[in-house]
Amino acid sequence: MKLFILMSIAAVCVALSFVWRTPWIGGVGLLVAFAGMFTDRNDVNVGDDGYETSDSVRKMRSRDR
């Protein structure tokens, strides 16, 4: 949701820079867009929270030997 809000703000700033013909507003919009992209947390669940490896990982490792 935060990414959507920041991208909406960035789009409005870039559009206003064309309407008002002031390029610094577009620069602010681009900075907001970069901040939104790089602070977006989309955590990936890997499923290996324990100390043991999964069966598929053990099978792949045993084939290499």
PDB file of N, CA and C in Angstrom:
ATOM      1  N   MET A   1       0.825  -1.188   0.000  1.00  0.00           N
ATOM      2  CA  MET A   1       0.000   0.000   0.000  1.00  0.00           C
ATOM      3  C   MET A   1       0.869   1.251   0.000  1.00  0.00           C
ATOM      4  N   LYS A   2       1.983   1.177   0.752  1.00  0.00           N
ATOM      5  CA  LYS A   2       2.872   2.332   0.816  1.00  0.00           C
ATOM      6  C   LYS A   2       3.480   2.620  -0.558  1.00  0.00           C
ATOM      7  N   LEU A   3       3.809   1.546  -1.281  1.00  0.00           N
ATOM      8  CA  LEU A   3       4.375   1.735  -2.618  1.00  0.00           C
ATOM      9  C   LEU A   3       3.376   2.419  -3.542  1.00  0.00           C
ATOM     10  N   PHE A   4       2.118   2.015  -3.466  1.00  0.00           N
ATOM     11  CA  PHE A   4       1.082   2.626  -4.305  1.00  0.00           C
ATOM     12  C   PHE A   4       0.914   4.111  -3.998  1.00  0.00           C
ATOM     13  N   ILE A   5       0.924   4.443  -2.724  1.00  0.00           N
ATOM     14  CA  ILE A   5       0.763   5.847  -2.330  1.00  0.00           C
ATOM     15  C   ILE A   5       1.947   6.677  -2.801  1.00  0.00           C
ATOM     16  N   LEU A   6       3.169   6.157  -2.599  1.00  0.00           N
ATOM     17  CA  LEU A   6       4.350   6.914  -3.026  1.00  0.00           C
ATOM     18  C   LEU A   6       4.417   7.057  -4.547  1.00  0.00           C
ATOM     19  N   MET A   7       4.029   6.030  -5.277  1.00  0.00           N
ATOM     20  CA  MET A   7       4.032   6.128  -6.743  1.00  0.00           C
ATOM     21  C   MET A   7       2.957   7.097  -7.226  1.00  0.00           C
ATOM     22  N   SER A   8       1.834   7.146  -6.522  1.00  0.00           N
ATOM     23  CA  SER A   8       0.790   8.115  -6.882  1.00  0.00           C
ATOM     24  C   SER A   8       1.281   9.541  -6.656  1.00  0.00           C
ATOM     25  N   ILE A   9       1.952   9.765  -5.533  1.00  0.00           N
ATOM     26  CA  ILE A   9       2.511  11.092  -5.261  1.00  0.00           C
ATOM     27  C   ILE A   9       3.549  11.461  -6.311  1.00  0.00           C
ATOM     28  N   ALA A  10       4.386  10.485  -6.689  1.00  0.00           N
ATOM     29  CA  ALA A  10       5.409  10.743  -7.703  1.00  0.00           C
ATOM     30  C   ALA A  10       4.774  11.094  -9.045  1.00  0.00           C
ATOM     31  N   ALA A  11       3.726  10.376  -9.420  1.00  0.00           N
ATOM     32  CA  ALA A  11       3.058  10.654 -10.694  1.00  0.00           C
ATOM     33  C   ALA A  11       2.422  12.041 -10.694  1.00  0.00           C
ATOM     34  N   VAL A  12       1.837  12.428  -9.583  1.00  0.00           N
ATOM     35  CA  VAL A  12       1.236  13.761  -9.481  1.00  0.00           C
ATOM     36  C   VAL A  12       2.320  14.838  -9.585  1.00  0.00           C
ATOM     37  N   CYS A  13       3.451  14.623  -8.929  1.00  0.00           N
ATOM     38  CA  CYS A  13       4.543  15.608  -8.993  1.00  0.00           C
ATOM     39  C   CYS A  13       5.083  15.748 -10.411  1.00  0.00           C
ATOM     40  N   VAL A  14       5.256  14.626 -11.104  1.00  0.00           N
ATOM     41  CA  VAL A  14       5.757  14.699 -12.485  1.00  0.00           C
ATOM     42  C   VAL A  14       4.735  15.381 -13.385  1.00  0.00           C
ATOM     43  N   ALA A  15       3.456  15.084 -13.201  1.00  0.00           N
ATOM     44  CA  ALA A  15       2.421  15.741 -14.006  1.00  0.00           C
ATOM     45  C   ALA A  15       2.375  17.240 -13.726  1.00  0.00           C
ATOM     46  N   LEU A  16       2.510  17.626 -12.454  1.00  0.00           N
ATOM     47  CA  LEU A  16       2.519  19.054 -12.120  1.00  0.00           C
ATOM     48  C   LEU A  16       3.728  19.774 -12.699  1.00  0.00           C
ATOM     49  N   SER A  17       4.837  19.060 -12.832  1.00  0.00           N
ATOM     50  CA  SER A  17       6.013  19.710 -13.417  1.00  0.00           C
ATOM     51  C   SER A  17       5.778  20.067 -14.882  1.00  0.00           C
ATOM     52  N   PHE A  18       4.965  19.270 -15.584  1.00  0.00           N
ATOM     53  CA  PHE A  18       4.649  19.609 -16.974  1.00  0.00           C
ATOM     54  C   PHE A  18       3.612  20.725 -17.049  1.00  0.00           C
ATOM     55  N   VAL A  19       2.678  20.726 -16.111  1.00  0.00           N
ATOM     56  CA  VAL A  19       1.622  21.743 -16.130  1.00  0.00           C
ATOM     57  C   VAL A  19       2.185  23.109 -15.757  1.00  0.00           C
ATOM     58  N   TRP A  20       2.952  23.163 -14.675  1.00  0.00           N
ATOM     59  CA  TRP A  20       3.471  24.438 -14.201  1.00  0.00           C
ATOM     60  C   TRP A  20       4.810  24.823 -14.815  1.00  0.00           C
ATOM     61  N   ARG A  21       5.379  23.921 -15.617  1.00  0.00           N
ATOM     62  CA  ARG A  21       6.669  24.143 -16.298  1.00  0.00           C
ATOM     63  C   ARG A  21       7.781  24.494 -15.309  1.00  0.00           C
ATOM     64  N   THR A  22       7.802  23.751 -14.218  1.00  0.00           N
ATOM     65  CA  THR A  22       8.885  23.873 -13.241  1.00  0.00           C
ATOM     66  C   THR A  22       9.508  22.492 -13.067  1.00  0.00           C
ATOM     67  N   PRO A  23      10.695  22.299 -13.587  1.00  0.00           N
ATOM     68  CA  PRO A  23      11.281  20.948 -13.601  1.00  0.00           C
ATOM     69  C   PRO A  23      11.663  20.413 -12.225  1.00  0.00           C
ATOM     70  N   TRP A  24      11.829  21.274 -11.245  1.00  0.00           N
ATOM     71  CA  TRP A  24      12.245  20.757  -9.938  1.00  0.00           C
ATOM     72  C   TRP A  24      11.155  19.928  -9.276  1.00  0.00           C
ATOM     73  N   ILE A  25       9.891  20.196  -9.615  1.00  0.00           N
ATOM     74  CA  ILE A  25       8.804  19.385  -9.059  1.00  0.00           C
ATOM     75  C   ILE A  25       8.872  17.967  -9.631  1.00  0.00           C
ATOM     76  N   GLY A  26       9.214  17.847 -10.891  1.00  0.00           N
ATOM     77  CA  GLY A  26       9.395  16.518 -11.482  1.00  0.00           C
ATOM     78  C   GLY A  26      10.562  15.782 -10.851  1.00  0.00           C
ATOM     79  N   GLY A  27      11.619  16.520 -10.518  1.00  0.00           N
ATOM     80  CA  GLY A  27      12.752  15.896  -9.825  1.00  0.00           C
ATOM     81  C   GLY A  27      12.365  15.378  -8.458  1.00  0.00           C
ATOM     82  N   VAL A  28      11.542  16.137  -7.768  1.00  0.00           N
ATOM     83  CA  VAL A  28      11.045  15.672  -6.467  1.00  0.00           C
ATOM     84  C   VAL A  28      10.192  14.418  -6.656  1.00  0.00           C
ATOM     85  N   GLY A  29       9.396  14.419  -7.699  1.00  0.00           N
ATOM     86  CA  GLY A  29       8.581  13.235  -7.987  1.00  0.00           C
ATOM     87  C   GLY A  29       9.418  12.014  -8.274  1.00  0.00           C
ATOM     88  N   LEU A  30      10.498  12.180  -9.023  1.00  0.00           N
ATOM     89  CA  LEU A  30      11.381  11.047  -9.303  1.00  0.00           C
ATOM     90  C   LEU A  30      12.086  10.566  -8.041  1.00  0.00           C
ATOM     91  N   LEU A  31      12.462  11.499  -7.179  1.00  0.00           N
ATOM     92  CA  LEU A  31      13.077  11.087  -5.912  1.00  0.00           C
ATOM     93  C   LEU A  31      12.093  10.317  -5.040  1.00  0.00           C
ATOM     94  N   VAL A  32      10.840  10.743  -5.035  1.00  0.00           N
ATOM     95  CA  VAL A  32       9.821  10.021  -4.282  1.00  0.00           C
ATOM     96  C   VAL A  32       9.612   8.631  -4.874  1.00  0.00           C
ATOM     97  N   ALA A  33       9.643   8.526  -6.202  1.00  0.00           N
ATOM     98  CA  ALA A  33       9.482   7.223  -6.855  1.00  0.00           C
ATOM     99  C   ALA A  33      10.638   6.287  -6.500  1.00  0.00           C
ATOM    100  N   PHE A  34      11.870   6.784  -6.539  1.00  0.00           N
ATOM    101  CA  PHE A  34      13.010   5.947  -6.167  1.00  0.00           C
ATOM    102  C   PHE A  34      12.934   5.540  -4.701  1.00  0.00           C
ATOM    103  N   ALA A  35      12.533   6.450  -3.842  1.00  0.00           N
ATOM    104  CA  ALA A  35      12.386   6.108  -2.424  1.00  0.00           C
ATOM    105  C   ALA A  35      11.321   5.027  -2.244  1.00  0.00           C
ATOM    106  N   GLY A  36      10.251   5.121  -2.999  1.00  0.00           N
ATOM    107  CA  GLY A  36       9.210   4.104  -2.905  1.00  0.00           C
ATOM    108  C   GLY A  36       9.670   2.748  -3.394  1.00  0.00           C
ATOM    109  N   MET A  37      10.433   2.723  -4.473  1.00  0.00           N
ATOM    110  CA  MET A  37      10.896   1.445  -5.004  1.00  0.00           C
ATOM    111  C   MET A  37      11.922   0.788  -4.086  1.00  0.00           C
ATOM    112  N   PHE A  38      12.833   1.575  -3.544  1.00  0.00           N
ATOM    113  CA  PHE A  38      13.909   0.973  -2.770  1.00  0.00           C
ATOM    114  C   PHE A  38      13.544   0.712  -1.317  1.00  0.00           C
ATOM    115  N   THR A  39      12.450   1.280  -0.827  1.00  0.00           N
ATOM    116  CA  THR A  39      12.039   1.002   0.543  1.00  0.00           C
ATOM    117  C   THR A  39      10.876   0.027   0.600  1.00  0.00           C
ATOM    118  N   ASP A  40      10.440  -0.483  -0.548  1.00  0.00           N
ATOM    119  CA  ASP A  40       9.347  -1.450  -0.571  1.00  0.00           C
ATOM    120  C   ASP A  40       9.861  -2.787  -0.055  1.00  0.00           C
ATOM    121  N   ARG A  41       9.220  -3.303   0.983  1.00  0.00           N
ATOM    122  CA  ARG A  41       9.634  -4.586   1.554  1.00  0.00           C
ATOM    123  C   ARG A  41       8.645  -5.650   1.109  1.00  0.00           C
ATOM    124  N   ASN A  42       9.111  -6.533   0.271  1.00  0.00           N
ATOM    125  CA  ASN A  42       8.317  -7.667  -0.162  1.00  0.00           C
ATOM    126  C   ASN A  42       9.079  -8.912   0.264  1.00  0.00           C
ATOM    127  N   ASP A  43       8.924  -9.280   1.533  1.00  0.00           N
ATOM    128  CA  ASP A  43       9.694 -10.389   2.084  1.00  0.00           C
ATOM    129  C   ASP A  43       9.288 -11.700   1.429  1.00  0.00           C
ATOM    130  N   VAL A  44      10.281 -12.516   1.148  1.00  0.00           N
ATOM    131  CA  VAL A  44      10.055 -13.810   0.524  1.00  0.00           C
ATOM    132  C   VAL A  44      10.176 -14.878   1.596  1.00  0.00           C
ATOM    133  N   ASN A  45       9.184 -15.728   1.691  1.00  0.00           N
ATOM    134  CA  ASN A  45       9.209 -16.815   2.659  1.00  0.00           C
ATOM    135  C   ASN A  45       9.976 -17.979   2.055  1.00  0.00           C
ATOM    136  N   VAL A  46      11.123 -18.298   2.619  1.00  0.00           N
ATOM    137  CA  VAL A  46      11.941 -19.368   2.060  1.00  0.00           C
ATOM    138  C   VAL A  46      11.588 -20.713   2.656  1.00  0.00           C
ATOM    139  N   GLY A  47      10.953 -20.764   3.805  1.00  0.00           N
ATOM    140  CA  GLY A  47      10.528 -22.015   4.381  1.00  0.00           C
ATOM    141  C   GLY A  47      11.604 -22.771   5.129  1.00  0.00           C
ATOM    142  N   ASP A  48      12.838 -22.304   5.132  1.00  0.00           N
ATOM    143  CA  ASP A  48      13.924 -22.964   5.852  1.00  0.00           C
ATOM    144  C   ASP A  48      14.247 -22.181   7.110  1.00  0.00           C
ATOM    145  N   ASP A  49      13.286 -22.114   8.012  1.00  0.00           N
ATOM    146  CA  ASP A  49      13.508 -21.377   9.251  1.00  0.00           C
ATOM    147  C   ASP A  49      14.246 -22.212  10.285  1.00  0.00           C
ATOM    148  N   GLY A  50      14.207 -23.509  10.134  1.00  0.00           N
ATOM    149  CA  GLY A  50      14.854 -24.382  11.110  1.00  0.00           C
ATOM    150  C   GLY A  50      16.330 -24.576  10.799  1.00  0.00           C
ATOM    151  N   TYR A  51      16.965 -25.400  11.604  1.00  0.00           N
ATOM    152  CA  TYR A  51      18.388 -25.651  11.416  1.00  0.00           C
ATOM    153  C   TYR A  51      18.631 -26.835  10.498  1.00  0.00           C
ATOM    154  N   GLU A  52      17.576 -27.595  10.178  1.00  0.00           N
ATOM    155  CA  GLU A  52      17.734 -28.740   9.292  1.00  0.00           C
ATOM    156  C   GLU A  52      17.408 -28.342   7.863  1.00  0.00           C
ATOM    157  N   THR A  53      18.088 -28.970   6.927  1.00  0.00           N
ATOM    158  CA  THR A  53      17.796 -28.716   5.516  1.00  0.00           C
ATOM    159  C   THR A  53      16.613 -29.566   5.090  1.00  0.00           C
ATOM    160  N   SER A  54      15.932 -29.127   4.062  1.00  0.00           N
ATOM    161  CA  SER A  54      14.752 -29.846   3.595  1.00  0.00           C
ATOM    162  C   SER A  54      15.160 -31.098   2.825  1.00  0.00           C
ATOM    163  N   ASP A  55      14.195 -31.972   2.578  1.00  0.00           N
ATOM    164  CA  ASP A  55      14.466 -33.233   1.876  1.00  0.00           C
ATOM    165  C   ASP A  55      14.989 -32.989   0.470  1.00  0.00           C
ATOM    166  N   SER A  56      14.397 -32.019  -0.229  1.00  0.00           N
ATOM    167  CA  SER A  56      14.823 -31.777  -1.614  1.00  0.00           C
ATOM    168  C   SER A  56      16.259 -31.280  -1.672  1.00  0.00           C
ATOM    169  N   VAL A  57      16.677 -30.449  -0.704  1.00  0.00           N
ATOM    170  CA  VAL A  57      18.051 -29.960  -0.682  1.00  0.00           C
ATOM    171  C   VAL A  57      18.999 -31.114  -0.384  1.00  0.00           C
ATOM    172  N   ARG A  58      18.633 -32.005   0.531  1.00  0.00           N
ATOM    173  CA  ARG A  58      19.496 -33.152   0.845  1.00  0.00           C
ATOM    174  C   ARG A  58      19.618 -34.086  -0.345  1.00  0.00           C
ATOM    175  N   LYS A  59      18.537 -34.266  -1.089  1.00  0.00           N
ATOM    176  CA  LYS A  59      18.603 -35.134  -2.272  1.00  0.00           C
ATOM    177  C   LYS A  59      19.495 -34.529  -3.350  1.00  0.00           C
ATOM    178  N   MET A  60      19.417 -33.201  -3.538  1.00  0.00           N
ATOM    179  CA  MET A  60      20.277 -32.554  -4.547  1.00  0.00           C
ATOM    180  C   MET A  60      21.732 -32.664  -4.147  1.00  0.00           C
ATOM    181  N   ARG A  61      22.032 -32.502  -2.879  1.00  0.00           N
ATOM    182  CA  ARG A  61      23.410 -32.585  -2.420  1.00  0.00           C
ATOM    183  C   ARG A  61      23.959 -33.996  -2.516  1.00  0.00           C
ATOM    184  N   SER A  62      23.142 -35.000  -2.300  1.00  0.00           N
ATOM    185  CA  SER A  62      23.636 -36.372  -2.348  1.00  0.00           C
ATOM    186  C   SER A  62      23.895 -36.821  -3.790  1.00  0.00           C
ATOM    187  N   ARG A  63      23.261 -36.217  -4.779  1.00  0.00           N
ATOM    188  CA  ARG A  63      23.500 -36.575  -6.184  1.00  0.00           C
ATOM    189  C   ARG A  63      24.846 -36.063  -6.671  1.00  0.00           C
ATOM    190  N   ASP A  64      25.347 -34.990  -6.081  1.00  0.00           N
ATOM    191  CA  ASP A  64      26.615 -34.412  -6.537  1.00  0.00           C
ATOM    192  C   ASP A  64      27.807 -35.278  -6.175  1.00  0.00           C
ATOM    193  N   ARG A  65      27.671 -36.120  -5.184  1.00  0.00           N
ATOM    194  CA  ARG A  65      28.821 -36.913  -4.725  1.00  0.00           C
ATOM    195  C   ARG A  65      29.008 -38.165  -5.469  1.00  0.00           C
TER     196      ARG A  65
END
